[in-house]
Structures are given as C-alpha cells and as structure tokens.
Amino acid sequence: QVQLVESGGGSVQAGGSLRLSCAASGDALSEYFGGWFRQAPGKEREGVAAMTPFGTPGYADSVKDRFTISRDNAKNTLYLEMNNLKPEDTAMYYCATGLVGNWVLRSQPEARLNPSEYNTWGQGAQVSVSS
C-alpha cells in the first residue's frame, strides 16, 4: 500500500506562490488517482485538485487558473503549484490516493474532488496566506 508524505507548506502574503510536494513510497503513484484537499478551521475538507492515473487533471472552481497539479513518475511525487494565493486559501493541505478500481472515480469526474472516495492520506501541510 502506498504511503504519502507532504512537504512545502508555509506562510506567504497574498499574491505569493507555494509548491506542495507529496512523496509516495510503497507503490507507484501512477497506479492511483491522486488528489489534493484542504481543510480550514471549522470547515469541512474540500477537494482542490485531482489527477487520474493517466494524468488528466481536474480542479475546483475556486482554484482554477491559479493552482496546477502535476506528477513526476520518476520521483514518485505529486505536486500542487499554487500561484496568486489568497487569504481564503489558508488551510491544512492534504494529498491522498484513490484506488484505480474505484468505479466512481473512474466514471464520474466530479467525484474526483470528493474526499470520501480516497483511501490513503498524508499527514498534511499548513498553508497560511496573509493579506
């Protein structure tokens, strides 16, 4: 089973950029659906970006055109490049993987941002954006 470790969080001013990394071990990330999720205090965890095993990305409307999900198969690492950060992006960010055999993930693109469809989670990385 895959294990995930995030890194790259930090504090930036509004308009700044950060890149989160999610290093995987135990299995190849390219064999899974990969996703980035975030949870702010007092709010539910929400999907930010996701990628299919074939590399097709998808984004929440709130981050479209600002965030980019990517995967380096050689490094077995999932990335989230975050640009033009806003204070409302402040949250704990988590990477997660979903099973390639999950029929919902395979057939419903909108479900790829649903945290309940993902099985394995990293420990999280804090992102704080000040105005």
Protein backbone atom coordinates (compact mmCIF):
# COMPACT_ATOMS: atom_id res chain seq x y z
CA GLN A 1 0.00 0.00 0.00
CA VAL A 2 1.21 3.49 -0.77
CA GLN A 3 2.39 5.86 1.98
CA LEU A 4 2.33 9.64 1.48
CA VAL A 5 4.38 12.48 2.99
CA GLU A 6 3.64 16.13 2.20
CA SER A 7 6.10 18.99 2.31
CA GLY A 8 6.37 22.58 1.13
CA GLY A 9 3.80 24.37 3.22
CA GLY A 10 4.48 27.77 4.72
CA SER A 11 3.35 31.36 5.14
CA VAL A 12 3.13 33.84 2.30
CA GLN A 13 1.50 37.15 1.57
CA ALA A 14 -1.48 37.42 -0.74
CA GLY A 15 -0.39 37.15 -4.35
CA GLY A 16 2.51 34.88 -3.47
CA SER A 17 3.24 31.31 -4.52
CA LEU A 18 3.99 27.97 -2.90
CA ARG A 19 4.56 24.46 -4.17
CA LEU A 20 3.44 21.47 -2.18
CA SER A 21 5.02 18.07 -2.69
CA CYS A 22 3.61 14.66 -1.85
CA ALA A 23 6.26 11.96 -1.89
CA ALA A 24 4.96 8.43 -2.19
CA SER A 25 6.54 5.16 -1.14
CA GLY A 26 5.43 1.56 -1.21
CA ASP A 27 3.78 1.74 -4.60
CA ALA A 28 3.71 3.82 -7.78
CA LEU A 29 1.57 6.97 -7.69
CA SER A 30 0.76 6.44 -11.36
CA GLU A 31 -1.29 3.40 -10.31
CA TYR A 32 -3.71 5.58 -8.32
CA PHE A 33 -5.99 8.56 -8.56
CA GLY A 34 -4.18 11.39 -6.77
CA GLY A 35 -5.76 14.37 -5.12
CA TRP A 36 -5.06 17.48 -3.09
CA PHE A 37 -7.55 18.52 -0.44
CA ARG A 38 -7.69 21.27 2.16
CA GLN A 39 -9.38 21.89 5.44
CA ALA A 40 -9.69 25.25 7.14
CA PRO A 41 -10.58 25.52 10.85
CA GLY A 42 -14.28 24.91 11.36
CA LYS A 43 -14.84 23.88 7.77
CA GLU A 44 -15.23 20.57 6.00
CA ARG A 45 -12.41 19.09 3.98
CA GLU A 46 -12.75 20.05 0.33
CA GLY A 47 -11.17 18.90 -2.88
CA VAL A 48 -8.77 21.28 -4.60
CA ALA A 49 -7.25 19.31 -7.47
CA ALA A 50 -7.09 15.73 -8.67
CA MET A 51 -5.30 13.68 -11.27
CA THR A 52 -6.23 10.38 -12.87
CA PRO A 53 -3.69 7.56 -13.26
CA PHE A 54 -3.40 8.64 -16.89
CA GLY A 55 -2.50 12.19 -15.84
CA THR A 56 -5.77 14.01 -16.53
CA PRO A 57 -6.16 16.93 -14.09
CA GLY A 58 -9.26 18.45 -12.58
CA TYR A 59 -9.72 21.50 -10.35
CA ALA A 60 -12.19 23.11 -8.02
CA ASP A 61 -13.61 26.31 -9.45
CA SER A 62 -12.10 28.29 -6.58
CA VAL A 63 -8.54 27.46 -7.63
CA LYS A 64 -8.87 27.04 -11.39
CA ASP A 65 -6.26 29.08 -13.28
CA ARG A 66 -4.26 29.58 -10.05
CA PHE A 67 -3.31 26.04 -8.96
CA THR A 68 -1.68 23.31 -11.02
CA ILE A 69 -1.48 19.63 -10.11
CA SER A 70 1.32 17.58 -11.61
CA ARG A 71 3.07 14.27 -11.08
CA ASP A 72 6.68 13.20 -11.57
CA ASN A 73 6.60 9.45 -12.07
CA ALA A 74 10.39 9.12 -11.82
CA LYS A 75 10.33 10.77 -8.39
CA ASN A 76 7.01 9.16 -7.46
CA THR A 77 5.82 12.57 -6.27
CA LEU A 78 2.62 14.54 -6.67
CA TYR A 79 2.83 18.34 -6.72
CA LEU A 80 0.49 21.27 -6.24
CA GLU A 81 1.78 24.55 -7.61
CA MET A 82 -0.19 27.41 -6.04
CA ASN A 83 0.01 30.90 -7.53
CA ASN A 84 -1.75 34.17 -6.74
CA LEU A 85 -2.58 32.87 -3.28
CA LYS A 86 -5.44 34.48 -1.40
CA PRO A 87 -6.17 34.63 2.35
CA GLU A 88 -9.09 32.26 1.78
CA ASP A 89 -6.60 29.63 0.60
CA THR A 90 -5.34 29.35 4.19
CA ALA A 91 -5.82 25.75 5.33
CA MET A 92 -4.16 22.45 6.07
CA TYR A 93 -3.48 20.77 2.76
CA TYR A 94 -3.51 17.01 2.34
CA CYS A 95 -2.61 14.73 -0.52
CA ALA A 96 -4.46 11.46 -0.93
CA THR A 97 -4.76 8.50 -3.25
CA GLY A 98 -7.79 6.64 -4.52
CA LEU A 99 -7.84 3.14 -5.92
CA VAL A 100 -7.76 2.73 -9.69
CA GLY A 101 -10.52 0.13 -9.28
CA ASN A 102 -12.87 2.67 -7.72
CA TRP A 103 -15.70 2.78 -10.26
CA VAL A 104 -16.96 6.13 -9.02
CA LEU A 105 -13.58 7.76 -9.57
CA ARG A 106 -13.26 6.10 -12.96
CA SER A 107 -16.70 7.09 -14.26
CA GLN A 108 -17.58 10.37 -12.51
CA PRO A 109 -15.03 13.16 -12.99
CA GLU A 110 -16.87 15.36 -10.49
CA ALA A 111 -16.32 12.72 -7.80
CA ARG A 112 -12.54 13.07 -8.07
CA LEU A 113 -12.71 16.04 -5.69
CA ASN A 114 -14.75 14.13 -3.10
CA PRO A 115 -12.56 13.25 -0.09
CA SER A 116 -14.68 10.22 0.75
CA GLU A 117 -13.51 8.45 -2.43
CA TYR A 118 -9.86 8.48 -1.29
CA ASN A 119 -8.30 5.83 0.90
CA THR A 120 -4.79 6.86 1.87
CA TRP A 121 -3.83 10.25 3.24
CA GLY A 122 -0.71 12.14 4.08
CA GLN A 123 -0.17 13.99 7.34
CA GLY A 124 -0.90 17.44 5.95
CA ALA A 125 0.98 20.66 5.30
CA GLN A 126 -0.11 24.04 6.61
CA VAL A 127 -0.53 26.92 4.16
CA SER A 128 -1.14 30.38 5.59
CA VAL A 129 -1.80 33.41 3.40
CA SER A 130 -1.85 36.89 4.92
CA SER A 131 -3.48 39.94 3.37
